[in-house]
Amino acid sequence: MKKFWQLWMTSALAVLLLVGCGQEEVKPAKNNDNTQQEVTVDEQVSDETTFPITMTDAVGEEITLEEAPKTIVSMQPSNTEILFALDLNEEIVGVNDYDNYPEEALEKEKIGGVEFSVEKIVAMNPDIVFAHESALGMGEAGIQQIRDAGVKVYVVKNAMDFNETYTTIEEIGRATGKLAEAQKIVEDMKVKVEEVKEKVANVETKKTVFVETSDVPQIYTPGKGTFMQEILDIVNAENIAADQEGWFIMEPEEIVKRNPDVIIVMYNYVEGIVESVKARDGFDSITAVKNNEVVQVDENLTSRTGPRLAEGLEEVAKAIYPEAFSE
């Protein structure tokens, strides 16, 4: 079975071709006689959520929630991590097959992976289903079937940078009546990001980095316009693949030619992959291999656009500049 990272990457390739649009936000509103009115996404943001609330998702579908949802299905690991961080363990009734964090997610009923069970989701009768834009390529028809069955579906935007990640966390917080908690998560993430920036701001020599997200024979790497490019920019490192847009395959001979100072491996489906990378033909001439700077980073920390993403940023920074974190 293909690993989730590979499947996610394939979906991400398609999403990168989409034209991004601004994030819409919501606030509670009242009329002159103090009765609640439905909230629309075009109004000014508030620090609190008052129901009923109307929100428009990443694909332009509008849903109205009369109250905070009591039963929730999550179709994407990043959504699940956000929901658990918002302390919604009791409300979550179904999750993706690949959800493995936190541990409580392993105890939830599974609804499938990229190929999910519409019947199972509908049978759960959730108040809301949180789908994800990155999965629309293979799952759009199924998501529409869920809507047609009368279940509310909110498609979360596929965040392409930290700011969009912050926004999606707040949107999920708003939809679940947990906006204050979501804002606290975002603030904590921003603090961590700034801490990392400070530690790597004054590195003496900026290192060149090659990031690979799959093994031979098709070594995929992220170029400019990707989330990983933003991460490398933040940690003050140079991406040797930044001359091309999006995700693409780089041949081993080209990696040798570009001679990165550090090689970051962002997958774990190959046992002993670090030693395997070092043993590739010609790689013994690469600076990263000579200096033993081929590092495996937890793919879940760096690929899931949720509360742990700032930790993923720190892990990448440590992989490139361990000396900056030695104190």
C-alpha atoms as a PDB file:
ATOM      1  CA  MET A   1       0.000   0.000   0.000  1.00  0.00           C
ATOM      2  CA  LYS A   2       1.308   3.414  -0.833  1.00  0.00           C
ATOM      3  CA  LYS A   3       2.287   5.553   2.090  1.00  0.00           C
ATOM      4  CA  PHE A   4       0.237   8.620   2.972  1.00  0.00           C
ATOM      5  CA  TRP A   5       3.068  11.020   2.182  1.00  0.00           C
ATOM      6  CA  GLN A   6       3.268   9.774  -1.403  1.00  0.00           C
ATOM      7  CA  LEU A   7      -0.469  10.095  -1.821  1.00  0.00           C
ATOM      8  CA  TRP A   8      -0.475  13.540  -0.261  1.00  0.00           C
ATOM      9  CA  MET A   9       2.353  14.645  -2.518  1.00  0.00           C
ATOM     10  CA  THR A  10       0.486  13.514  -5.614  1.00  0.00           C
ATOM     11  CA  SER A  11      -2.542  15.519  -4.531  1.00  0.00           C
ATOM     12  CA  ALA A  12      -0.339  18.504  -3.706  1.00  0.00           C
ATOM     13  CA  LEU A  13       1.060  18.498  -7.235  1.00  0.00           C
ATOM     14  CA  ALA A  14      -2.433  19.070  -8.573  1.00  0.00           C
ATOM     15  CA  VAL A  15      -3.304  21.672  -5.987  1.00  0.00           C
ATOM     16  CA  LEU A  16      -0.217  23.730  -6.808  1.00  0.00           C
ATOM     17  CA  LEU A  17      -1.784  24.390 -10.186  1.00  0.00           C
ATOM     18  CA  LEU A  18      -4.828  26.022  -8.632  1.00  0.00           C
ATOM     19  CA  VAL A  19      -5.109  29.780  -8.434  1.00  0.00           C
ATOM     20  CA  GLY A  20      -5.069  30.795  -4.777  1.00  0.00           C
ATOM     21  CA  CYS A  21      -7.714  33.093  -3.370  1.00  0.00           C
ATOM     22  CA  GLY A  22      -7.890  35.113  -0.171  1.00  0.00           C
ATOM     23  CA  GLN A  23      -9.142  33.519   3.024  1.00  0.00           C
ATOM     24  CA  GLU A  24     -12.621  34.594   4.084  1.00  0.00           C
ATOM     25  CA  GLU A  25     -13.463  35.010   7.716  1.00  0.00           C
ATOM     26  CA  VAL A  26     -16.527  35.359   9.893  1.00  0.00           C
ATOM     27  CA  LYS A  27     -17.813  37.132  12.989  1.00  0.00           C
ATOM     28  CA  PRO A  28     -20.994  36.998  15.033  1.00  0.00           C
ATOM     29  CA  ALA A  29     -23.557  39.710  14.449  1.00  0.00           C
ATOM     30  CA  LYS A  30     -26.673  40.963  16.187  1.00  0.00           C
ATOM     31  CA  ASN A  31     -29.574  43.039  14.987  1.00  0.00           C
ATOM     32  CA  ASN A  32     -31.099  46.012  16.741  1.00  0.00           C
ATOM     33  CA  ASP A  33     -33.453  43.950  18.925  1.00  0.00           C
ATOM     34  CA  ASN A  34     -30.538  41.846  20.235  1.00  0.00           C
ATOM     35  CA  THR A  35     -31.584  38.624  18.452  1.00  0.00           C
ATOM     36  CA  GLN A  36     -28.853  36.676  16.742  1.00  0.00           C
ATOM     37  CA  GLN A  37     -28.479  36.804  12.987  1.00  0.00           C
ATOM     38  CA  GLU A  38     -26.647  34.384  10.746  1.00  0.00           C
ATOM     39  CA  VAL A  39     -22.993  35.257  10.381  1.00  0.00           C
ATOM     40  CA  THR A  40     -21.510  35.663   6.924  1.00  0.00           C
ATOM     41  CA  VAL A  41     -17.894  35.269   5.887  1.00  0.00           C
ATOM     42  CA  ASP A  42     -17.651  38.833   4.601  1.00  0.00           C
ATOM     43  CA  GLU A  43     -17.939  40.490   7.990  1.00  0.00           C
ATOM     44  CA  GLN A  44     -15.180  41.593  10.327  1.00  0.00           C
ATOM     45  CA  VAL A  45     -13.475  38.927  12.423  1.00  0.00           C
ATOM     46  CA  SER A  46     -14.372  38.560  16.096  1.00  0.00           C
ATOM     47  CA  ASP A  47     -12.492  36.817  18.873  1.00  0.00           C
ATOM     48  CA  GLU A  48     -15.575  34.751  19.665  1.00  0.00           C
ATOM     49  CA  THR A  49     -18.035  32.636  17.722  1.00  0.00           C
ATOM     50  CA  THR A  50     -21.758  33.099  18.184  1.00  0.00           C
ATOM     51  CA  PHE A  51     -24.090  30.620  16.585  1.00  0.00           C
ATOM     52  CA  PRO A  52     -25.809  30.343  14.185  1.00  0.00           C
ATOM     53  CA  ILE A  53     -22.861  30.921  11.900  1.00  0.00           C
ATOM     54  CA  THR A  54     -22.556  30.725   8.116  1.00  0.00           C
ATOM     55  CA  MET A  55     -19.186  29.920   6.557  1.00  0.00           C
ATOM     56  CA  THR A  56     -17.924  29.465   3.011  1.00  0.00           C
ATOM     57  CA  ASP A  57     -15.300  26.771   2.491  1.00  0.00           C
ATOM     58  CA  ALA A  58     -12.311  26.440   0.145  1.00  0.00           C
ATOM     59  CA  VAL A  59     -14.479  25.433  -2.828  1.00  0.00           C
ATOM     60  CA  GLY A  60     -17.137  28.103  -2.348  1.00  0.00           C
ATOM     61  CA  GLU A  61     -19.719  25.886  -0.634  1.00  0.00           C
ATOM     62  CA  GLU A  62     -21.696  27.632   2.100  1.00  0.00           C
ATOM     63  CA  ILE A  63     -22.796  25.889   5.287  1.00  0.00           C
ATOM     64  CA  THR A  64     -24.753  27.179   8.261  1.00  0.00           C
ATOM     65  CA  LEU A  65     -24.228  25.751  11.729  1.00  0.00           C
ATOM     66  CA  GLU A  66     -26.978  26.410  14.266  1.00  0.00           C
ATOM     67  CA  GLU A  67     -24.742  25.429  17.166  1.00  0.00           C
ATOM     68  CA  ALA A  68     -21.278  24.080  17.862  1.00  0.00           C
ATOM     69  CA  PRO A  69     -21.069  20.585  16.345  1.00  0.00           C
ATOM     70  CA  LYS A  70     -21.398  17.713  18.790  1.00  0.00           C
ATOM     71  CA  THR A  71     -20.269  15.029  16.332  1.00  0.00           C
ATOM     72  CA  ILE A  72     -17.395  15.516  13.879  1.00  0.00           C
ATOM     73  CA  VAL A  73     -15.759  13.448  11.148  1.00  0.00           C
ATOM     74  CA  SER A  74     -12.266  14.371   9.950  1.00  0.00           C
ATOM     75  CA  MET A  75     -11.123  13.207   6.539  1.00  0.00           C
ATOM     76  CA  GLN A  76      -7.512  14.461   6.707  1.00  0.00           C
ATOM     77  CA  PRO A  77      -4.708  13.969   9.276  1.00  0.00           C
ATOM     78  CA  SER A  78      -3.972  17.702   9.455  1.00  0.00           C
ATOM     79  CA  ASN A  79      -7.640  18.413  10.221  1.00  0.00           C
ATOM     80  CA  THR A  80      -7.606  15.703  12.870  1.00  0.00           C
ATOM     81  CA  GLU A  81      -4.548  17.132  14.604  1.00  0.00           C
ATOM     82  CA  ILE A  82      -6.178  20.561  14.677  1.00  0.00           C
ATOM     83  CA  LEU A  83      -9.426  19.168  16.094  1.00  0.00           C
ATOM     84  CA  PHE A  84      -7.655  17.251  18.845  1.00  0.00           C
ATOM     85  CA  ALA A  85      -5.550  20.322  19.688  1.00  0.00           C
ATOM     86  CA  LEU A  86      -8.851  22.177  20.109  1.00  0.00           C
ATOM     87  CA  ASP A  87      -9.814  19.613  22.767  1.00  0.00           C
ATOM     88  CA  LEU A  88     -12.584  18.032  20.680  1.00  0.00           C
ATOM     89  CA  ASN A  89     -11.778  14.412  21.493  1.00  0.00           C
ATOM     90  CA  GLU A  90     -15.317  13.681  22.645  1.00  0.00           C
ATOM     91  CA  GLU A  91     -16.862  15.219  19.532  1.00  0.00           C
ATOM     92  CA  ILE A  92     -14.690  13.366  16.994  1.00  0.00           C
ATOM     93  CA  VAL A  93     -16.468  10.190  15.848  1.00  0.00           C
ATOM     94  CA  GLY A  94     -14.544   9.305  12.688  1.00  0.00           C
ATOM     95  CA  VAL A  95     -11.061   9.867  11.262  1.00  0.00           C
ATOM     96  CA  ASN A  96      -8.857   9.038   8.285  1.00  0.00           C
ATOM     97  CA  ASP A  97      -7.114   5.642   8.159  1.00  0.00           C
ATOM     98  CA  TYR A  98      -3.728   7.367   8.294  1.00  0.00           C
ATOM     99  CA  ASP A  99      -4.450   9.400  11.421  1.00  0.00           C
ATOM    100  CA  ASN A 100      -1.868   8.448  14.019  1.00  0.00           C
ATOM    101  CA  TYR A 101      -1.522  11.577  16.138  1.00  0.00           C
ATOM    102  CA  PRO A 102      -2.369  12.076  18.885  1.00  0.00           C
ATOM    103  CA  GLU A 103      -2.662   8.541  20.215  1.00  0.00           C
ATOM    104  CA  GLU A 104      -6.357   9.081  20.849  1.00  0.00           C
ATOM    105  CA  ALA A 105      -6.873   9.260  17.082  1.00  0.00           C
ATOM    106  CA  LEU A 106      -5.967   5.580  16.845  1.00  0.00           C
ATOM    107  CA  GLU A 107      -9.021   4.742  18.951  1.00  0.00           C
ATOM    108  CA  LYS A 108     -11.493   6.489  16.645  1.00  0.00           C
ATOM    109  CA  GLU A 109     -13.531   4.723  13.985  1.00  0.00           C
ATOM    110  CA  LYS A 110     -11.842   4.829  10.578  1.00  0.00           C
ATOM    111  CA  ILE A 111     -13.635   6.104   7.495  1.00  0.00           C
ATOM    112  CA  GLY A 112     -10.989   5.157   4.910  1.00  0.00           C
ATOM    113  CA  GLY A 113      -8.036   6.951   3.393  1.00  0.00           C
ATOM    114  CA  VAL A 114      -7.830   8.499  -0.048  1.00  0.00           C
ATOM    115  CA  GLU A 115     -10.641   6.089  -0.907  1.00  0.00           C
ATOM    116  CA  PHE A 116     -13.139   6.670   1.877  1.00  0.00           C
ATOM    117  CA  SER A 117     -16.502   5.103   2.716  1.00  0.00           C
ATOM    118  CA  VAL A 118     -19.360   7.472   1.977  1.00  0.00           C
ATOM    119  CA  GLU A 119     -21.803   5.011   3.541  1.00  0.00           C
ATOM    120  CA  LYS A 120     -19.859   4.818   6.790  1.00  0.00           C
ATOM    121  CA  ILE A 121     -19.554   8.592   7.082  1.00  0.00           C
ATOM    122  CA  VAL A 122     -23.264   9.148   6.395  1.00  0.00           C
ATOM    123  CA  ALA A 123     -24.201   6.412   8.881  1.00  0.00           C
ATOM    124  CA  MET A 124     -22.289   8.275  11.597  1.00  0.00           C
ATOM    125  CA  ASN A 125     -24.710  11.190  11.055  1.00  0.00           C
ATOM    126  CA  PRO A 126     -22.101  13.803  12.007  1.00  0.00           C
ATOM    127  CA  ASP A 127     -22.994  17.452  12.535  1.00  0.00           C
ATOM    128  CA  ILE A 128     -20.058  18.357  10.279  1.00  0.00           C
ATOM    129  CA  VAL A 129     -17.441  16.644   8.131  1.00  0.00           C
ATOM    130  CA  PHE A 130     -14.108  18.376   7.678  1.00  0.00           C
ATOM    131  CA  ALA A 131     -12.758  17.419   4.250  1.00  0.00           C
ATOM    132  CA  HIS A 132      -9.613  18.825   2.618  1.00  0.00           C
ATOM    133  CA  GLU A 133      -8.892  20.602  -0.652  1.00  0.00           C
ATOM    134  CA  SER A 134      -5.829  18.462  -1.386  1.00  0.00           C
ATOM    135  CA  ALA A 135      -7.998  15.336  -1.598  1.00  0.00           C
ATOM    136  CA  LEU A 136     -10.525  16.687  -4.086  1.00  0.00           C
ATOM    137  CA  GLY A 137      -8.829  15.116  -7.097  1.00  0.00           C
ATOM    138  CA  MET A 138      -9.902  11.625  -6.071  1.00  0.00           C
ATOM    139  CA  GLY A 139     -12.589  12.390  -3.516  1.00  0.00           C
ATOM    140  CA  GLU A 140     -14.779  15.160  -4.923  1.00  0.00           C
ATOM    141  CA  ALA A 141     -17.572  12.850  -6.092  1.00  0.00           C
ATOM    142  CA  GLY A 142     -17.707  11.122  -2.720  1.00  0.00           C
ATOM    143  CA  ILE A 143     -17.781  14.422  -0.878  1.00  0.00           C
ATOM    144  CA  GLN A 144     -20.724  15.527  -3.007  1.00  0.00           C
ATOM    145  CA  GLN A 145     -22.527  12.283  -2.153  1.00  0.00           C
ATOM    146  CA  ILE A 146     -22.073  13.100   1.526  1.00  0.00           C
ATOM    147  CA  ARG A 147     -23.568  16.557   0.946  1.00  0.00           C
ATOM    148  CA  ASP A 148     -26.431  15.050  -1.041  1.00  0.00           C
ATOM    149  CA  ALA A 149     -27.207  12.822   1.950  1.00  0.00           C
ATOM    150  CA  GLY A 150     -27.820  15.956   3.999  1.00  0.00           C
ATOM    151  CA  VAL A 151     -24.541  15.998   5.913  1.00  0.00           C
ATOM    152  CA  LYS A 152     -22.702  19.319   6.215  1.00  0.00           C
ATOM    153  CA  VAL A 153     -19.223  19.228   4.661  1.00  0.00           C
ATOM    154  CA  TYR A 154     -16.604  21.933   5.109  1.00  0.00           C
ATOM    155  CA  VAL A 155     -13.637  21.653   2.736  1.00  0.00           C
ATOM    156  CA  VAL A 156     -10.551  23.048   4.456  1.00  0.00           C
ATOM    157  CA  LYS A 157      -8.148  24.962   2.241  1.00  0.00           C
ATOM    158  CA  ASN A 158      -4.888  23.244   1.368  1.00  0.00           C
ATOM    159  CA  ALA A 159      -2.579  25.661   3.155  1.00  0.00           C
ATOM    160  CA  MET A 160       0.506  26.527   1.116  1.00  0.00           C
ATOM    161  CA  ASP A 161       2.355  28.565   3.734  1.00  0.00           C
ATOM    162  CA  PHE A 162       2.376  29.336   7.450  1.00  0.00           C
ATOM    163  CA  ASN A 163      -0.108  32.198   7.207  1.00  0.00           C
ATOM    164  CA  GLU A 164      -2.650  30.017   5.441  1.00  0.00           C
ATOM    165  CA  THR A 165      -2.078  27.328   8.059  1.00  0.00           C
ATOM    166  CA  TYR A 166      -2.845  29.825  10.801  1.00  0.00           C
ATOM    167  CA  THR A 167      -6.030  30.815   8.973  1.00  0.00           C
ATOM    168  CA  THR A 168      -7.236  27.229   8.543  1.00  0.00           C
ATOM    169  CA  ILE A 169      -6.682  26.519  12.243  1.00  0.00           C
ATOM    170  CA  GLU A 170      -8.759  29.575  13.133  1.00  0.00           C
ATOM    171  CA  GLU A 171     -11.472  28.616  10.639  1.00  0.00           C
ATOM    172  CA  ILE A 172     -11.827  25.159  12.159  1.00  0.00           C
ATOM    173  CA  GLY A 173     -11.823  26.761  15.589  1.00  0.00           C
ATOM    174  CA  ARG A 174     -14.579  29.133  14.533  1.00  0.00           C
ATOM    175  CA  ALA A 175     -16.709  26.367  13.039  1.00  0.00           C
ATOM    176  CA  THR A 176     -16.462  24.319  16.231  1.00  0.00           C
ATOM    177  CA  GLY A 177     -16.956  27.135  18.735  1.00  0.00           C
ATOM    178  CA  LYS A 178     -13.285  26.966  19.731  1.00  0.00           C
ATOM    179  CA  LEU A 179     -11.947  30.174  18.208  1.00  0.00           C
ATOM    180  CA  ALA A 180     -10.158  31.357  21.368  1.00  0.00           C
ATOM    181  CA  GLU A 181      -8.391  28.017  21.652  1.00  0.00           C
ATOM    182  CA  ALA A 182      -7.466  28.151  17.965  1.00  0.00           C
ATOM    183  CA  GLN A 183      -6.008  31.629  18.339  1.00  0.00           C
ATOM    184  CA  LYS A 184      -3.913  30.428  21.282  1.00  0.00           C
ATOM    185  CA  ILE A 185      -2.554  27.580  19.140  1.00  0.00           C
ATOM    186  CA  VAL A 186      -1.655  30.043  16.394  1.00  0.00           C
ATOM    187  CA  GLU A 187       0.079  32.406  18.813  1.00  0.00           C
ATOM    188  CA  ASP A 188       2.131  29.546  20.263  1.00  0.00           C
ATOM    189  CA  MET A 189       3.135  28.503  16.747  1.00  0.00           C
ATOM    190  CA  LYS A 190       4.197  32.046  15.888  1.00  0.00           C
ATOM    191  CA  VAL A 191       6.335  32.208  19.027  1.00  0.00           C
ATOM    192  CA  LYS A 192       8.071  28.958  18.041  1.00  0.00           C
ATOM    193  CA  VAL A 193       8.666  30.225  14.498  1.00  0.00           C
ATOM    194  CA  GLU A 194      10.259  33.410  15.829  1.00  0.00           C
ATOM    195  CA  GLU A 195      12.464  31.407  18.193  1.00  0.00           C
ATOM    196  CA  VAL A 196      13.720  29.336  15.273  1.00  0.00           C
ATOM    197  CA  LYS A 197      14.330  32.452  13.164  1.00  0.00           C
ATOM    198  CA  GLU A 198      16.403  33.998  15.934  1.00  0.00           C
ATOM    199  CA  LYS A 199      18.570  30.909  16.338  1.00  0.00           C
ATOM    200  CA  VAL A 200      19.466  30.675  12.639  1.00  0.00           C
ATOM    201  CA  ALA A 201      19.569  34.389  11.829  1.00  0.00           C
ATOM    202  CA  ASN A 202      23.309  34.722  12.317  1.00  0.00           C
ATOM    203  CA  VAL A 203      24.659  31.473  10.897  1.00  0.00           C
ATOM    204  CA  GLU A 204      28.153  32.089   9.590  1.00  0.00           C
ATOM    205  CA  THR A 205      27.766  30.176   6.332  1.00  0.00           C
ATOM    206  CA  LYS A 206      24.406  29.666   4.618  1.00  0.00           C
ATOM    207  CA  LYS A 207      24.103  25.991   3.707  1.00  0.00           C
ATOM    208  CA  THR A 208      22.754  24.511   0.493  1.00  0.00           C
ATOM    209  CA  VAL A 209      20.088  21.847   0.965  1.00  0.00           C
ATOM    210  CA  PHE A 210      18.497  19.093  -1.074  1.00  0.00           C
ATOM    211  CA  VAL A 211      15.130  17.817   0.180  1.00  0.00           C
ATOM    212  CA  GLU A 212      13.816  14.518  -1.134  1.00  0.00           C
ATOM    213  CA  THR A 213      10.307  13.226  -0.542  1.00  0.00           C
ATOM    214  CA  SER A 214      10.600   9.853  -2.287  1.00  0.00           C
ATOM    215  CA  ASP A 215      13.285   7.280  -3.033  1.00  0.00           C
ATOM    216  CA  VAL A 216      14.829   6.184  -6.322  1.00  0.00           C
ATOM    217  CA  PRO A 217      13.969   5.676  -9.114  1.00  0.00           C
ATOM    218  CA  GLN A 218      11.780   8.786  -8.877  1.00  0.00           C
ATOM    219  CA  ILE A 219      13.336  11.206  -6.417  1.00  0.00           C
ATOM    220  CA  TYR A 220      10.825  14.009  -5.949  1.00  0.00           C
ATOM    221  CA  THR A 221      11.998  17.317  -4.537  1.00  0.00           C
ATOM    222  CA  PRO A 222      10.229  20.604  -3.763  1.00  0.00           C
ATOM    223  CA  GLY A 223      11.223  23.681  -5.744  1.00  0.00           C
ATOM    224  CA  LYS A 224      10.104  27.288  -5.487  1.00  0.00           C
ATOM    225  CA  GLY A 225       6.477  28.003  -4.742  1.00  0.00           C
ATOM    226  CA  THR A 226       6.212  25.110  -2.283  1.00  0.00           C
ATOM    227  CA  PHE A 227       5.717  24.998   1.447  1.00  0.00           C
ATOM    228  CA  MET A 228       9.189  23.522   1.854  1.00  0.00           C
ATOM    229  CA  GLN A 229      10.692  26.473   0.011  1.00  0.00           C
ATOM    230  CA  GLU A 230       9.131  28.769   2.602  1.00  0.00           C
ATOM    231  CA  ILE A 231      10.505  26.598   5.401  1.00  0.00           C
ATOM    232  CA  LEU A 232      14.018  26.721   3.942  1.00  0.00           C
ATOM    233  CA  ASP A 233      13.746  30.480   3.500  1.00  0.00           C
ATOM    234  CA  ILE A 234      12.683  30.871   7.129  1.00  0.00           C
ATOM    235  CA  VAL A 235      15.600  28.785   8.417  1.00  0.00           C
ATOM    236  CA  ASN A 236      18.101  30.729   6.303  1.00  0.00           C
ATOM    237  CA  ALA A 237      19.083  27.890   3.967  1.00  0.00           C
ATOM    238  CA  GLU A 238      19.387  27.646   0.178  1.00  0.00           C
ATOM    239  CA  ASN A 239      17.293  25.124  -1.731  1.00  0.00           C
ATOM    240  CA  ILE A 240      19.354  23.650  -4.585  1.00  0.00           C
ATOM    241  CA  ALA A 241      16.088  22.889  -6.392  1.00  0.00           C
ATOM    242  CA  ALA A 242      14.776  26.460  -6.270  1.00  0.00           C
ATOM    243  CA  ASP A 243      15.385  27.023  -9.978  1.00  0.00           C
ATOM    244  CA  GLN A 244      12.218  25.065 -10.818  1.00  0.00           C
ATOM    245  CA  GLU A 245       8.594  25.514  -9.808  1.00  0.00           C
ATOM    246  CA  GLY A 246       6.653  23.090  -7.643  1.00  0.00           C
ATOM    247  CA  TRP A 247       7.452  19.414  -7.113  1.00  0.00           C
ATOM    248  CA  PHE A 248       9.560  17.621  -9.690  1.00  0.00           C
ATOM    249  CA  ILE A 249      11.899  14.663 -10.162  1.00  0.00           C
ATOM    250  CA  MET A 250      15.641  15.279  -9.911  1.00  0.00           C
ATOM    251  CA  GLU A 251      17.992  12.647 -11.251  1.00  0.00           C
ATOM    252  CA  PRO A 252      20.748  11.343  -8.939  1.00  0.00           C
ATOM    253  CA  GLU A 253      23.434  12.643 -11.309  1.00  0.00           C
ATOM    254  CA  GLU A 254      22.003  16.160 -11.021  1.00  0.00           C
ATOM    255  CA  ILE A 255      21.973  15.956  -7.234  1.00  0.00           C
ATOM    256  CA  VAL A 256      25.643  14.987  -7.312  1.00  0.00           C
ATOM    257  CA  LYS A 257      26.366  17.863  -9.672  1.00  0.00           C
ATOM    258  CA  ARG A 258      24.646  20.410  -7.435  1.00  0.00           C
ATOM    259  CA  ASN A 259      26.532  19.070  -4.402  1.00  0.00           C
ATOM    260  CA  PRO A 260      24.317  20.056  -1.429  1.00  0.00           C
ATOM    261  CA  ASP A 261      25.779  20.660   2.007  1.00  0.00           C
ATOM    262  CA  VAL A 262      22.809  18.878   3.591  1.00  0.00           C
ATOM    263  CA  ILE A 263      20.388  16.238   2.331  1.00  0.00           C
ATOM    264  CA  ILE A 264      17.039  16.052   4.132  1.00  0.00           C
ATOM    265  CA  VAL A 265      15.004  12.874   3.754  1.00  0.00           C
ATOM    266  CA  MET A 266      11.298  13.526   4.343  1.00  0.00           C
ATOM    267  CA  TYR A 267       9.842  10.010   4.253  1.00  0.00           C
ATOM    268  CA  ASN A 268      10.069   6.849   6.317  1.00  0.00           C
ATOM    269  CA  TYR A 269       8.668   4.102   4.112  1.00  0.00           C
ATOM    270  CA  VAL A 270      12.170   2.784   3.268  1.00  0.00           C
ATOM    271  CA  GLU A 271      14.008   1.054   6.083  1.00  0.00           C
ATOM    272  CA  GLY A 272      17.549   2.355   6.562  1.00  0.00           C
ATOM    273  CA  ILE A 273      16.984   5.134   4.045  1.00  0.00           C
ATOM    274  CA  VAL A 274      19.746   7.420   5.356  1.00  0.00           C
ATOM    275  CA  GLU A 275      22.418   4.798   4.757  1.00  0.00           C
ATOM    276  CA  SER A 276      20.784   3.914   1.459  1.00  0.00           C
ATOM    277  CA  VAL A 277      21.048   7.520   0.285  1.00  0.00           C
ATOM    278  CA  LYS A 278      24.699   7.660   1.240  1.00  0.00           C
ATOM    279  CA  ALA A 279      25.368   4.447  -0.700  1.00  0.00           C
ATOM    280  CA  ARG A 280      23.919   5.673  -4.016  1.00  0.00           C
ATOM    281  CA  ASP A 281      26.330   5.659  -6.940  1.00  0.00           C
ATOM    282  CA  GLY A 282      28.407   8.824  -6.943  1.00  0.00           C
ATOM    283  CA  PHE A 283      26.941  10.217  -3.741  1.00  0.00           C
ATOM    284  CA  ASP A 284      30.206   9.681  -1.884  1.00  0.00           C
ATOM    285  CA  SER A 285      31.446  12.864  -3.574  1.00  0.00           C
ATOM    286  CA  ILE A 286      28.606  15.011  -2.199  1.00  0.00           C
ATOM    287  CA  THR A 287      29.511  17.317   0.677  1.00  0.00           C
ATOM    288  CA  ALA A 288      26.453  16.222   2.681  1.00  0.00           C
ATOM    289  CA  VAL A 289      27.574  12.594   2.523  1.00  0.00           C
ATOM    290  CA  LYS A 290      31.218  13.399   3.222  1.00  0.00           C
ATOM    291  CA  ASN A 291      30.239  15.390   6.312  1.00  0.00           C
ATOM    292  CA  ASN A 292      27.589  12.908   7.438  1.00  0.00           C
ATOM    293  CA  GLU A 293      24.815  15.453   7.007  1.00  0.00           C
ATOM    294  CA  VAL A 294      22.125  13.258   5.503  1.00  0.00           C
ATOM    295  CA  VAL A 295      19.252  13.677   7.962  1.00  0.00           C
ATOM    296  CA  GLN A 296      15.820  12.098   8.170  1.00  0.00           C
ATOM    297  CA  VAL A 297      13.054  14.398   9.402  1.00  0.00           C
ATOM    298  CA  ASP A 298       9.631  13.294  10.651  1.00  0.00           C
ATOM    299  CA  GLU A 299       7.417  13.579   7.593  1.00  0.00           C
ATOM    300  CA  ASN A 300       4.284  14.135   9.677  1.00  0.00           C
ATOM    301  CA  LEU A 301       5.750  17.211  11.348  1.00  0.00           C
ATOM    302  CA  THR A 302       6.650  18.779   8.040  1.00  0.00           C
ATOM    303  CA  SER A 303       3.758  17.704   5.800  1.00  0.00           C
ATOM    304  CA  ARG A 304       0.722  18.135   8.021  1.00  0.00           C
ATOM    305  CA  THR A 305      -0.390  21.749   8.067  1.00  0.00           C
ATOM    306  CA  GLY A 306      -1.555  21.795  11.649  1.00  0.00           C
ATOM    307  CA  PRO A 307      -0.437  22.700  15.182  1.00  0.00           C
ATOM    308  CA  ARG A 308       2.838  20.727  14.982  1.00  0.00           C
ATOM    309  CA  LEU A 309       4.089  22.483  11.847  1.00  0.00           C
ATOM    310  CA  ALA A 310       6.216  24.914  13.870  1.00  0.00           C
ATOM    311  CA  GLU A 311       7.880  21.879  15.450  1.00  0.00           C
ATOM    312  CA  GLY A 312       8.548  20.608  11.944  1.00  0.00           C
ATOM    313  CA  LEU A 313      10.186  23.918  11.084  1.00  0.00           C
ATOM    314  CA  GLU A 314      12.431  23.527  14.105  1.00  0.00           C
ATOM    315  CA  GLU A 315      13.349  19.964  13.128  1.00  0.00           C
ATOM    316  CA  VAL A 316      14.375  21.118   9.647  1.00  0.00           C
ATOM    317  CA  ALA A 317      16.426  23.944  11.135  1.00  0.00           C
ATOM    318  CA  LYS A 318      18.162  21.528  13.517  1.00  0.00           C
ATOM    319  CA  ALA A 319      18.915  19.167  10.637  1.00  0.00           C
ATOM    320  CA  ILE A 320      20.660  21.951   8.733  1.00  0.00           C
ATOM    321  CA  TYR A 321      22.228  23.966  11.561  1.00  0.00           C
ATOM    322  CA  PRO A 322      22.527  21.671  14.591  1.00  0.00           C
ATOM    323  CA  GLU A 323      25.142  23.942  16.084  1.00  0.00           C
ATOM    324  CA  ALA A 324      22.578  26.766  16.392  1.00  0.00           C
ATOM    325  CA  PHE A 325      20.534  24.584  18.770  1.00  0.00           C
ATOM    326  CA  SER A 326      23.366  23.135  20.818  1.00  0.00           C
ATOM    327  CA  GLU A 327      23.020  25.524  23.735  1.00  0.00           C
END
